[in-house]
Amino acid sequence: MTKLILKFNLTKIQRIDSDYLFEKMVEEANQRVVQKYSNQRLKIGEQDIIIIGGFLREKINIIHSGDRGFLKTCEELSLNTIPLPARDFAKEKEIKSWMKKGRS
């Protein structure tokens, strides 16, 4: 994990108690998205809610993702989104695979 942080110049965002308010905003925004598009497949999970809540708290405003529900929820919150190109989506899957192996 440390190698990835250094290689990609990442900053760790930690969850704090006050994130509950941001996470509630994200959850409500996602419910609006699901209703707006009448599509349950746009529902995001608890981990995504936590991540987007952290983005809101840290004022991160350019979001990259390959997940439509994640992107639509960010857009509902007026965050700027950039869908991942197919090449980057494949790289994201590869990185997630490395991370899972590192946990074992």
PDB file of N, CA and C in Angstrom:
ATOM      1  N   MET A   1       0.822  -1.180   0.000  1.00  0.00           N
ATOM      2  CA  MET A   1       0.000   0.000   0.000  1.00  0.00           C
ATOM      3  C   MET A   1       0.872   1.251   0.000  1.00  0.00           C
ATOM      4  N   THR A   2       1.940   1.255   0.777  1.00  0.00           N
ATOM      5  CA  THR A   2       2.831   2.409   0.841  1.00  0.00           C
ATOM      6  C   THR A   2       3.438   2.694  -0.528  1.00  0.00           C
ATOM      7  N   LYS A   3       3.754   1.630  -1.271  1.00  0.00           N
ATOM      8  CA  LYS A   3       4.302   1.812  -2.614  1.00  0.00           C
ATOM      9  C   LYS A   3       3.326   2.576  -3.510  1.00  0.00           C
ATOM     10  N   LEU A   4       2.041   2.213  -3.444  1.00  0.00           N
ATOM     11  CA  LEU A   4       1.029   2.895  -4.251  1.00  0.00           C
ATOM     12  C   LEU A   4       0.895   4.358  -3.855  1.00  0.00           C
ATOM     13  N   ILE A   5       0.897   4.626  -2.562  1.00  0.00           N
ATOM     14  CA  ILE A   5       0.772   5.999  -2.070  1.00  0.00           C
ATOM     15  C   ILE A   5       1.924   6.843  -2.592  1.00  0.00           C
ATOM     16  N   LEU A   6       3.122   6.318  -2.521  1.00  0.00           N
ATOM     17  CA  LEU A   6       4.292   7.056  -3.001  1.00  0.00           C
ATOM     18  C   LEU A   6       4.298   7.182  -4.520  1.00  0.00           C
ATOM     19  N   LYS A   7       4.012   6.093  -5.205  1.00  0.00           N
ATOM     20  CA  LYS A   7       4.063   6.093  -6.669  1.00  0.00           C
ATOM     21  C   LYS A   7       3.059   7.065  -7.281  1.00  0.00           C
ATOM     22  N   PHE A   8       1.858   7.135  -6.727  1.00  0.00           N
ATOM     23  CA  PHE A   8       0.805   7.963  -7.308  1.00  0.00           C
ATOM     24  C   PHE A   8       0.599   9.282  -6.544  1.00  0.00           C
ATOM     25  N   ASN A   9       1.504   9.579  -5.604  1.00  0.00           N
ATOM     26  CA  ASN A   9       1.444  10.825  -4.838  1.00  0.00           C
ATOM     27  C   ASN A   9       0.054  11.017  -4.208  1.00  0.00           C
ATOM     28  N   LEU A  10      -0.410  10.003  -3.508  1.00  0.00           N
ATOM     29  CA  LEU A  10      -1.741  10.026  -2.903  1.00  0.00           C
ATOM     30  C   LEU A  10      -1.685  10.590  -1.490  1.00  0.00           C
ATOM     31  N   THR A  11      -2.804  11.138  -1.048  1.00  0.00           N
ATOM     32  CA  THR A  11      -2.945  11.617   0.316  1.00  0.00           C
ATOM     33  C   THR A  11      -4.048  10.813   0.980  1.00  0.00           C
ATOM     34  N   LYS A  12      -3.777  10.363   2.172  1.00  0.00           N
ATOM     35  CA  LYS A  12      -4.759   9.570   2.901  1.00  0.00           C
ATOM     36  C   LYS A  12      -5.785  10.490   3.555  1.00  0.00           C
ATOM     37  N   ILE A  13      -7.054  10.171   3.339  1.00  0.00           N
ATOM     38  CA  ILE A  13      -8.146  10.910   3.980  1.00  0.00           C
ATOM     39  C   ILE A  13      -8.751   9.975   5.016  1.00  0.00           C
ATOM     40  N   GLN A  14      -8.766  10.422   6.271  1.00  0.00           N
ATOM     41  CA  GLN A  14      -9.307   9.580   7.324  1.00  0.00           C
ATOM     42  C   GLN A  14     -10.698  10.043   7.721  1.00  0.00           C
ATOM     43  N   ARG A  15     -11.517   9.086   8.024  1.00  0.00           N
ATOM     44  CA  ARG A  15     -12.886   9.354   8.465  1.00  0.00           C
ATOM     45  C   ARG A  15     -12.860   9.901   9.890  1.00  0.00           C
ATOM     46  N   ILE A  16     -13.657  10.953  10.134  1.00  0.00           N
ATOM     47  CA  ILE A  16     -13.759  11.524  11.469  1.00  0.00           C
ATOM     48  C   ILE A  16     -15.236  11.601  11.859  1.00  0.00           C
ATOM     49  N   ASP A  17     -15.493  11.837  13.136  1.00  0.00           N
ATOM     50  CA  ASP A  17     -16.866  11.829  13.655  1.00  0.00           C
ATOM     51  C   ASP A  17     -17.797  12.782  12.915  1.00  0.00           C
ATOM     52  N   SER A  18     -17.312  13.965  12.568  1.00  0.00           N
ATOM     53  CA  SER A  18     -18.185  14.948  11.923  1.00  0.00           C
ATOM     54  C   SER A  18     -18.550  14.553  10.492  1.00  0.00           C
ATOM     55  N   ASP A  19     -17.935  13.508   9.963  1.00  0.00           N
ATOM     56  CA  ASP A  19     -18.260  13.057   8.603  1.00  0.00           C
ATOM     57  C   ASP A  19     -19.694  12.552   8.496  1.00  0.00           C
ATOM     58  N   TYR A  20     -20.325  12.250   9.620  1.00  0.00           N
ATOM     59  CA  TYR A  20     -21.699  11.756   9.600  1.00  0.00           C
ATOM     60  C   TYR A  20     -22.607  12.712   8.824  1.00  0.00           C
ATOM     61  N   LEU A  21     -22.436  14.010   9.026  1.00  0.00           N
ATOM     62  CA  LEU A  21     -23.273  15.005   8.352  1.00  0.00           C
ATOM     63  C   LEU A  21     -23.056  14.975   6.836  1.00  0.00           C
ATOM     64  N   PHE A  22     -21.796  14.857   6.419  1.00  0.00           N
ATOM     65  CA  PHE A  22     -21.496  14.772   4.987  1.00  0.00           C
ATOM     66  C   PHE A  22     -22.051  13.474   4.397  1.00  0.00           C
ATOM     67  N   GLU A  23     -21.895  12.394   5.140  1.00  0.00           N
ATOM     68  CA  GLU A  23     -22.370  11.099   4.663  1.00  0.00           C
ATOM     69  C   GLU A  23     -23.890  11.080   4.538  1.00  0.00           C
ATOM     70  N   LYS A  24     -24.573  11.752   5.423  1.00  0.00           N
ATOM     71  CA  LYS A  24     -26.038  11.860   5.344  1.00  0.00           C
ATOM     72  C   LYS A  24     -26.432  12.614   4.070  1.00  0.00           C
ATOM     73  N   MET A  25     -25.698  13.675   3.754  1.00  0.00           N
ATOM     74  CA  MET A  25     -25.952  14.432   2.519  1.00  0.00           C
ATOM     75  C   MET A  25     -25.758  13.540   1.290  1.00  0.00           C
ATOM     76  N   VAL A  26     -24.718  12.724   1.312  1.00  0.00           N
ATOM     77  CA  VAL A  26     -24.424  11.835   0.192  1.00  0.00           C
ATOM     78  C   VAL A  26     -25.524  10.790   0.047  1.00  0.00           C
ATOM     79  N   GLU A  27     -25.922  10.200   1.166  1.00  0.00           N
ATOM     80  CA  GLU A  27     -26.980   9.183   1.146  1.00  0.00           C
ATOM     81  C   GLU A  27     -28.274   9.755   0.562  1.00  0.00           C
ATOM     82  N   GLU A  28     -28.640  10.956   0.985  1.00  0.00           N
ATOM     83  CA  GLU A  28     -29.853  11.598   0.469  1.00  0.00           C
ATOM     84  C   GLU A  28     -29.714  11.932  -1.014  1.00  0.00           C
ATOM     85  N   ALA A  29     -28.537  12.389  -1.423  1.00  0.00           N
ATOM     86  CA  ALA A  29     -28.302  12.691  -2.844  1.00  0.00           C
ATOM     87  C   ALA A  29     -28.428  11.428  -3.683  1.00  0.00           C
ATOM     88  N   ASN A  30     -27.900  10.314  -3.181  1.00  0.00           N
ATOM     89  CA  ASN A  30     -27.992   9.069  -3.935  1.00  0.00           C
ATOM     90  C   ASN A  30     -29.431   8.593  -4.039  1.00  0.00           C
ATOM     91  N   GLN A  31     -30.207   8.772  -2.981  1.00  0.00           N
ATOM     92  CA  GLN A  31     -31.629   8.403  -3.040  1.00  0.00           C
ATOM     93  C   GLN A  31     -32.347   9.226  -4.108  1.00  0.00           C
ATOM     94  N   ARG A  32     -32.011  10.515  -4.215  1.00  0.00           N
ATOM     95  CA  ARG A  32     -32.612  11.364  -5.254  1.00  0.00           C
ATOM     96  C   ARG A  32     -32.219  10.877  -6.648  1.00  0.00           C
ATOM     97  N   VAL A  33     -30.965  10.483  -6.815  1.00  0.00           N
ATOM     98  CA  VAL A  33     -30.487   9.987  -8.112  1.00  0.00           C
ATOM     99  C   VAL A  33     -31.242   8.723  -8.512  1.00  0.00           C
ATOM    100  N   VAL A  34     -31.367   7.788  -7.588  1.00  0.00           N
ATOM    101  CA  VAL A  34     -32.074   6.530  -7.872  1.00  0.00           C
ATOM    102  C   VAL A  34     -33.522   6.820  -8.268  1.00  0.00           C
ATOM    103  N   GLN A  35     -34.159   7.726  -7.562  1.00  0.00           N
ATOM    104  CA  GLN A  35     -35.553   8.088  -7.875  1.00  0.00           C
ATOM    105  C   GLN A  35     -35.640   8.839  -9.203  1.00  0.00           C
ATOM    106  N   LYS A  36     -34.753   9.785  -9.407  1.00  0.00           N
ATOM    107  CA  LYS A  36     -34.755  10.616 -10.614  1.00  0.00           C
ATOM    108  C   LYS A  36     -34.651   9.774 -11.889  1.00  0.00           C
ATOM    109  N   TYR A  37     -33.767   8.760 -11.856  1.00  0.00           N
ATOM    110  CA  TYR A  37     -33.542   7.912 -13.027  1.00  0.00           C
ATOM    111  C   TYR A  37     -34.324   6.604 -12.958  1.00  0.00           C
ATOM    112  N   SER A  38     -35.088   6.421 -11.896  1.00  0.00           N
ATOM    113  CA  SER A  38     -35.844   5.175 -11.692  1.00  0.00           C
ATOM    114  C   SER A  38     -34.966   3.949 -11.958  1.00  0.00           C
ATOM    115  N   ASN A  39     -33.795   3.950 -11.324  1.00  0.00           N
ATOM    116  CA  ASN A  39     -32.815   2.900 -11.591  1.00  0.00           C
ATOM    117  C   ASN A  39     -32.111   2.509 -10.292  1.00  0.00           C
ATOM    118  N   GLN A  40     -32.499   1.365  -9.738  1.00  0.00           N
ATOM    119  CA  GLN A  40     -31.900   0.864  -8.500  1.00  0.00           C
ATOM    120  C   GLN A  40     -30.412   0.538  -8.660  1.00  0.00           C
ATOM    121  N   ARG A  41     -29.970   0.323  -9.894  1.00  0.00           N
ATOM    122  CA  ARG A  41     -28.558  -0.003 -10.124  1.00  0.00           C
ATOM    123  C   ARG A  41     -27.645   1.201  -9.860  1.00  0.00           C
ATOM    124  N   LEU A  42     -28.224   2.397  -9.701  1.00  0.00           N
ATOM    125  CA  LEU A  42     -27.433   3.593  -9.399  1.00  0.00           C
ATOM    126  C   LEU A  42     -27.213   3.759  -7.893  1.00  0.00           C
ATOM    127  N   LYS A  43     -27.807   2.858  -7.091  1.00  0.00           N
ATOM    128  CA  LYS A  43     -27.634   2.919  -5.643  1.00  0.00           C
ATOM    129  C   LYS A  43     -26.181   2.572  -5.306  1.00  0.00           C
ATOM    130  N   ILE A  44     -25.574   3.419  -4.477  1.00  0.00           N
ATOM    131  CA  ILE A  44     -24.184   3.191  -4.089  1.00  0.00           C
ATOM    132  C   ILE A  44     -24.136   2.550  -2.702  1.00  0.00           C
ATOM    133  N   GLY A  45     -23.021   1.934  -2.391  1.00  0.00           N
ATOM    134  CA  GLY A  45     -22.853   1.252  -1.118  1.00  0.00           C
ATOM    135  C   GLY A  45     -22.318   2.157  -0.023  1.00  0.00           C
ATOM    136  N   GLU A  46     -22.275   1.617   1.171  1.00  0.00           N
ATOM    137  CA  GLU A  46     -21.816   2.349   2.355  1.00  0.00           C
ATOM    138  C   GLU A  46     -20.398   2.893   2.173  1.00  0.00           C
ATOM    139  N   GLN A  47     -19.511   2.098   1.589  1.00  0.00           N
ATOM    140  CA  GLN A  47     -18.132   2.558   1.400  1.00  0.00           C
ATOM    141  C   GLN A  47     -18.068   3.755   0.448  1.00  0.00           C
ATOM    142  N   ASP A  48     -18.886   3.723  -0.608  1.00  0.00           N
ATOM    143  CA  ASP A  48     -18.929   4.858  -1.533  1.00  0.00           C
ATOM    144  C   ASP A  48     -19.458   6.113  -0.837  1.00  0.00           C
ATOM    145  N   ILE A  49     -20.436   5.937   0.028  1.00  0.00           N
ATOM    146  CA  ILE A  49     -20.986   7.069   0.788  1.00  0.00           C
ATOM    147  C   ILE A  49     -19.896   7.691   1.661  1.00  0.00           C
ATOM    148  N   ILE A  50     -19.119   6.852   2.305  1.00  0.00           N
ATOM    149  CA  ILE A  50     -18.021   7.331   3.155  1.00  0.00           C
ATOM    150  C   ILE A  50     -16.987   8.080   2.317  1.00  0.00           C
ATOM    151  N   ILE A  51     -16.649   7.529   1.154  1.00  0.00           N
ATOM    152  CA  ILE A  51     -15.646   8.151   0.281  1.00  0.00           C
ATOM    153  C   ILE A  51     -16.109   9.520  -0.198  1.00  0.00           C
ATOM    154  N   ILE A  52     -17.331   9.598  -0.699  1.00  0.00           N
ATOM    155  CA  ILE A  52     -17.840  10.872  -1.209  1.00  0.00           C
ATOM    156  C   ILE A  52     -17.985  11.878  -0.061  1.00  0.00           C
ATOM    157  N   GLY A  53     -18.385  11.402   1.108  1.00  0.00           N
ATOM    158  CA  GLY A  53     -18.449  12.281   2.276  1.00  0.00           C
ATOM    159  C   GLY A  53     -17.082  12.886   2.588  1.00  0.00           C
ATOM    160  N   GLY A  54     -16.040  12.078   2.470  1.00  0.00           N
ATOM    161  CA  GLY A  54     -14.673  12.574   2.668  1.00  0.00           C
ATOM    162  C   GLY A  54     -14.291  13.601   1.615  1.00  0.00           C
ATOM    163  N   PHE A  55     -14.723  13.357   0.369  1.00  0.00           N
ATOM    164  CA  PHE A  55     -14.464  14.344  -0.692  1.00  0.00           C
ATOM    165  C   PHE A  55     -15.110  15.678  -0.352  1.00  0.00           C
ATOM    166  N   LEU A  56     -16.353  15.631   0.133  1.00  0.00           N
ATOM    167  CA  LEU A  56     -17.053  16.865   0.492  1.00  0.00           C
ATOM    168  C   LEU A  56     -16.326  17.609   1.608  1.00  0.00           C
ATOM    169  N   ARG A  57     -15.947  16.872   2.645  1.00  0.00           N
ATOM    170  CA  ARG A  57     -15.266  17.497   3.784  1.00  0.00           C
ATOM    171  C   ARG A  57     -13.951  18.134   3.359  1.00  0.00           C
ATOM    172  N   GLU A  58     -13.205  17.438   2.511  1.00  0.00           N
ATOM    173  CA  GLU A  58     -11.885  17.924   2.091  1.00  0.00           C
ATOM    174  C   GLU A  58     -11.958  18.883   0.904  1.00  0.00           C
ATOM    175  N   LYS A  59     -13.184  19.137   0.432  1.00  0.00           N
ATOM    176  CA  LYS A  59     -13.412  20.037  -0.705  1.00  0.00           C
ATOM    177  C   LYS A  59     -12.702  19.559  -1.976  1.00  0.00           C
ATOM    178  N   ILE A  60     -12.700  18.251  -2.165  1.00  0.00           N
ATOM    179  CA  ILE A  60     -12.179  17.661  -3.401  1.00  0.00           C
ATOM    180  C   ILE A  60     -13.292  17.763  -4.422  1.00  0.00           C
ATOM    181  N   ASN A  61     -13.025  18.401  -5.546  1.00  0.00           N
ATOM    182  CA  ASN A  61     -14.104  18.738  -6.465  1.00  0.00           C
ATOM    183  C   ASN A  61     -13.945  18.156  -7.859  1.00  0.00           C
ATOM    184  N   ILE A  62     -12.936  17.364  -8.095  1.00  0.00           N
ATOM    185  CA  ILE A  62     -12.809  16.684  -9.388  1.00  0.00           C
ATOM    186  C   ILE A  62     -12.746  15.194  -9.088  1.00  0.00           C
ATOM    187  N   ILE A  63     -13.776  14.490  -9.517  1.00  0.00           N
ATOM    188  CA  ILE A  63     -13.939  13.081  -9.167  1.00  0.00           C
ATOM    189  C   ILE A  63     -13.832  12.219 -10.415  1.00  0.00           C
ATOM    190  N   HIS A  64     -12.972  11.209 -10.350  1.00  0.00           N
ATOM    191  CA  HIS A  64     -12.820  10.238 -11.432  1.00  0.00           C
ATOM    192  C   HIS A  64     -13.409   8.914 -10.959  1.00  0.00           C
ATOM    193  N   SER A  65     -14.203   8.288 -11.787  1.00  0.00           N
ATOM    194  CA  SER A  65     -14.744   6.977 -11.431  1.00  0.00           C
ATOM    195  C   SER A  65     -15.288   6.296 -12.679  1.00  0.00           C
ATOM    196  N   GLY A  66     -15.423   5.006 -12.590  1.00  0.00           N
ATOM    197  CA  GLY A  66     -16.044   4.238 -13.660  1.00  0.00           C
ATOM    198  C   GLY A  66     -17.449   3.772 -13.279  1.00  0.00           C
ATOM    199  N   ASP A  67     -17.882   4.131 -12.080  1.00  0.00           N
ATOM    200  CA  ASP A  67     -19.172   3.699 -11.557  1.00  0.00           C
ATOM    201  C   ASP A  67     -20.227   4.787 -11.777  1.00  0.00           C
ATOM    202  N   ARG A  68     -21.270   4.463 -12.525  1.00  0.00           N
ATOM    203  CA  ARG A  68     -22.296   5.457 -12.868  1.00  0.00           C
ATOM    204  C   ARG A  68     -23.027   6.001 -11.650  1.00  0.00           C
ATOM    205  N   GLY A  69     -23.368   5.137 -10.707  1.00  0.00           N
ATOM    206  CA  GLY A  69     -24.065   5.588  -9.506  1.00  0.00           C
ATOM    207  C   GLY A  69     -23.215   6.545  -8.696  1.00  0.00           C
ATOM    208  N   PHE A  70     -21.940   6.242  -8.591  1.00  0.00           N
ATOM    209  CA  PHE A  70     -20.984   7.092  -7.879  1.00  0.00           C
ATOM    210  C   PHE A  70     -20.912   8.459  -8.549  1.00  0.00           C
ATOM    211  N   LEU A  71     -20.752   8.454  -9.884  1.00  0.00           N
ATOM    212  CA  LEU A  71     -20.639   9.707 -10.637  1.00  0.00           C
ATOM    213  C   LEU A  71     -21.921  10.535 -10.558  1.00  0.00           C
ATOM    214  N   LYS A  72     -23.064   9.889 -10.742  1.00  0.00           N
ATOM    215  CA  LYS A  72     -24.343  10.609 -10.701  1.00  0.00           C
ATOM    216  C   LYS A  72     -24.586  11.221  -9.320  1.00  0.00           C
ATOM    217  N   THR A  73     -24.181  10.508  -8.276  1.00  0.00           N
ATOM    218  CA  THR A  73     -24.339  11.030  -6.922  1.00  0.00           C
ATOM    219  C   THR A  73     -23.440  12.254  -6.725  1.00  0.00           C
ATOM    220  N   CYS A  74     -22.204  12.169  -7.205  1.00  0.00           N
ATOM    221  CA  CYS A  74     -21.294  13.320  -7.114  1.00  0.00           C
ATOM    222  C   CYS A  74     -21.864  14.509  -7.880  1.00  0.00           C
ATOM    223  N   GLU A  75     -22.419  14.253  -9.062  1.00  0.00           N
ATOM    224  CA  GLU A  75     -23.008  15.336  -9.855  1.00  0.00           C
ATOM    225  C   GLU A  75     -24.193  15.962  -9.122  1.00  0.00           C
ATOM    226  N   GLU A  76     -24.973  15.143  -8.454  1.00  0.00           N
ATOM    227  CA  GLU A  76     -26.118  15.641  -7.676  1.00  0.00           C
ATOM    228  C   GLU A  76     -25.643  16.592  -6.572  1.00  0.00           C
ATOM    229  N   LEU A  77     -24.429  16.370  -6.097  1.00  0.00           N
ATOM    230  CA  LEU A  77     -23.837  17.204  -5.053  1.00  0.00           C
ATOM    231  C   LEU A  77     -23.005  18.351  -5.637  1.00  0.00           C
ATOM    232  N   SER A  78     -23.137  18.570  -6.943  1.00  0.00           N
ATOM    233  CA  SER A  78     -22.432  19.640  -7.660  1.00  0.00           C
ATOM    234  C   SER A  78     -20.914  19.475  -7.671  1.00  0.00           C
ATOM    235  N   LEU A  79     -20.454  18.226  -7.623  1.00  0.00           N
ATOM    236  CA  LEU A  79     -19.029  17.954  -7.776  1.00  0.00           C
ATOM    237  C   LEU A  79     -18.749  17.704  -9.255  1.00  0.00           C
ATOM    238  N   ASN A  80     -17.584  18.105  -9.705  1.00  0.00           N
ATOM    239  CA  ASN A  80     -17.192  17.882 -11.094  1.00  0.00           C
ATOM    240  C   ASN A  80     -16.744  16.437 -11.272  1.00  0.00           C
ATOM    241  N   THR A  81     -17.282  15.778 -12.278  1.00  0.00           N
ATOM    242  CA  THR A  81     -16.950  14.369 -12.495  1.00  0.00           C
ATOM    243  C   THR A  81     -16.312  14.169 -13.856  1.00  0.00           C
ATOM    244  N   ILE A  82     -15.435  13.185 -13.907  1.00  0.00           N
ATOM    245  CA  ILE A  82     -14.801  12.786 -15.153  1.00  0.00           C
ATOM    246  C   ILE A  82     -14.843  11.264 -15.190  1.00  0.00           C
ATOM    247  N   PRO A  83     -15.649  10.698 -16.098  1.00  0.00           N
ATOM    248  CA  PRO A  83     -15.693   9.232 -16.197  1.00  0.00           C
ATOM    249  C   PRO A  83     -14.322   8.683 -16.607  1.00  0.00           C
ATOM    250  N   LEU A  84     -13.983   7.546 -16.059  1.00  0.00           N
ATOM    251  CA  LEU A  84     -12.722   6.913 -16.420  1.00  0.00           C
ATOM    252  C   LEU A  84     -12.790   6.362 -17.837  1.00  0.00           C
ATOM    253  N   PRO A  85     -11.761   6.626 -18.648  1.00  0.00           N
ATOM    254  CA  PRO A  85     -11.689   5.955 -19.955  1.00  0.00           C
ATOM    255  C   PRO A  85     -11.526   4.446 -19.728  1.00  0.00           C
ATOM    256  N   ALA A  86     -11.906   3.664 -20.709  1.00  0.00           N
ATOM    257  CA  ALA A  86     -11.848   2.197 -20.583  1.00  0.00           C
ATOM    258  C   ALA A  86     -10.456   1.725 -20.155  1.00  0.00           C
ATOM    259  N   ARG A  87      -9.410   2.353 -20.683  1.00  0.00           N
ATOM    260  CA  ARG A  87      -8.034   1.965 -20.352  1.00  0.00           C
ATOM    261  C   ARG A  87      -7.781   2.179 -18.859  1.00  0.00           C
ATOM    262  N   ASP A  88      -8.228   3.315 -18.330  1.00  0.00           N
ATOM    263  CA  ASP A  88      -8.026   3.609 -16.917  1.00  0.00           C
ATOM    264  C   ASP A  88      -8.886   2.723 -16.025  1.00  0.00           C
ATOM    265  N   PHE A  89     -10.081   2.365 -16.504  1.00  0.00           N
ATOM    266  CA  PHE A  89     -10.957   1.486 -15.754  1.00  0.00           C
ATOM    267  C   PHE A  89     -10.283   0.128 -15.574  1.00  0.00           C
ATOM    268  N   ALA A  90      -9.616  -0.363 -16.622  1.00  0.00           N
ATOM    269  CA  ALA A  90      -8.889  -1.631 -16.541  1.00  0.00           C
ATOM    270  C   ALA A  90      -7.742  -1.520 -15.536  1.00  0.00           C
ATOM    271  N   LYS A  91      -7.039  -0.375 -15.526  1.00  0.00           N
ATOM    272  CA  LYS A  91      -5.934  -0.160 -14.595  1.00  0.00           C
ATOM    273  C   LYS A  91      -6.449  -0.118 -13.157  1.00  0.00           C
ATOM    274  N   GLU A  92      -7.631   0.498 -12.954  1.00  0.00           N
ATOM    275  CA  GLU A  92      -8.235   0.555 -11.625  1.00  0.00           C
ATOM    276  C   GLU A  92      -8.514  -0.859 -11.114  1.00  0.00           C
ATOM    277  N   LYS A  93      -9.036  -1.717 -11.971  1.00  0.00           N
ATOM    278  CA  LYS A  93      -9.301  -3.104 -11.573  1.00  0.00           C
ATOM    279  C   LYS A  93      -7.997  -3.801 -11.181  1.00  0.00           C
ATOM    280  N   GLU A  94      -6.930  -3.533 -11.942  1.00  0.00           N
ATOM    281  CA  GLU A  94      -5.632  -4.140 -11.653  1.00  0.00           C
ATOM    282  C   GLU A  94      -5.118  -3.673 -10.284  1.00  0.00           C
ATOM    283  N   ILE A  95      -5.231  -2.393  -9.990  1.00  0.00           N
ATOM    284  CA  ILE A  95      -4.777  -1.851  -8.711  1.00  0.00           C
ATOM    285  C   ILE A  95      -5.589  -2.439  -7.565  1.00  0.00           C
ATOM    286  N   LYS A  96      -6.904  -2.553  -7.742  1.00  0.00           N
ATOM    287  CA  LYS A  96      -7.752  -3.149  -6.703  1.00  0.00           C
ATOM    288  C   LYS A  96      -7.333  -4.588  -6.434  1.00  0.00           C
ATOM    289  N   SER A  97      -6.958  -5.296  -7.490  1.00  0.00           N
ATOM    290  CA  SER A  97      -6.495  -6.674  -7.345  1.00  0.00           C
ATOM    291  C   SER A  97      -5.215  -6.718  -6.512  1.00  0.00           C
ATOM    292  N   TRP A  98      -4.282  -5.807  -6.780  1.00  0.00           N
ATOM    293  CA  TRP A  98      -3.044  -5.740  -5.991  1.00  0.00           C
ATOM    294  C   TRP A  98      -3.348  -5.469  -4.532  1.00  0.00           C
ATOM    295  N   MET A  99      -4.290  -4.545  -4.294  1.00  0.00           N
ATOM    296  CA  MET A  99      -4.624  -4.172  -2.926  1.00  0.00           C
ATOM    297  C   MET A  99      -5.234  -5.344  -2.167  1.00  0.00           C
ATOM    298  N   LYS A 100      -6.084  -6.120  -2.838  1.00  0.00           N
ATOM    299  CA  LYS A 100      -6.702  -7.283  -2.196  1.00  0.00           C
ATOM    300  C   LYS A 100      -5.639  -8.308  -1.836  1.00  0.00           C
ATOM    301  N   LYS A 101      -4.660  -8.496  -2.721  1.00  0.00           N
ATOM    302  CA  LYS A 101      -3.583  -9.447  -2.441  1.00  0.00           C
ATOM    303  C   LYS A 101      -2.746  -8.997  -1.255  1.00  0.00           C
ATOM    304  N   GLY A 102      -2.576  -7.669  -1.114  1.00  0.00           N
ATOM    305  CA  GLY A 102      -1.783  -7.121  -0.015  1.00  0.00           C
ATOM    306  C   GLY A 102      -2.445  -7.323   1.343  1.00  0.00           C
ATOM    307  N   ARG A 103      -3.773  -7.438   1.355  1.00  0.00           N
ATOM    308  CA  ARG A 103      -4.509  -7.645   2.616  1.00  0.00           C
ATOM    309  C   ARG A 103      -4.429  -9.076   3.104  1.00  0.00           C
ATOM    310  N   SER A 104      -4.193  -9.985   2.189  1.00  0.00           N
ATOM    311  CA  SER A 104      -4.199 -11.408   2.553  1.00  0.00           C
ATOM    312  C   SER A 104      -3.016 -11.794   3.404  1.00  0.00           C
TER     313      SER A 104
END
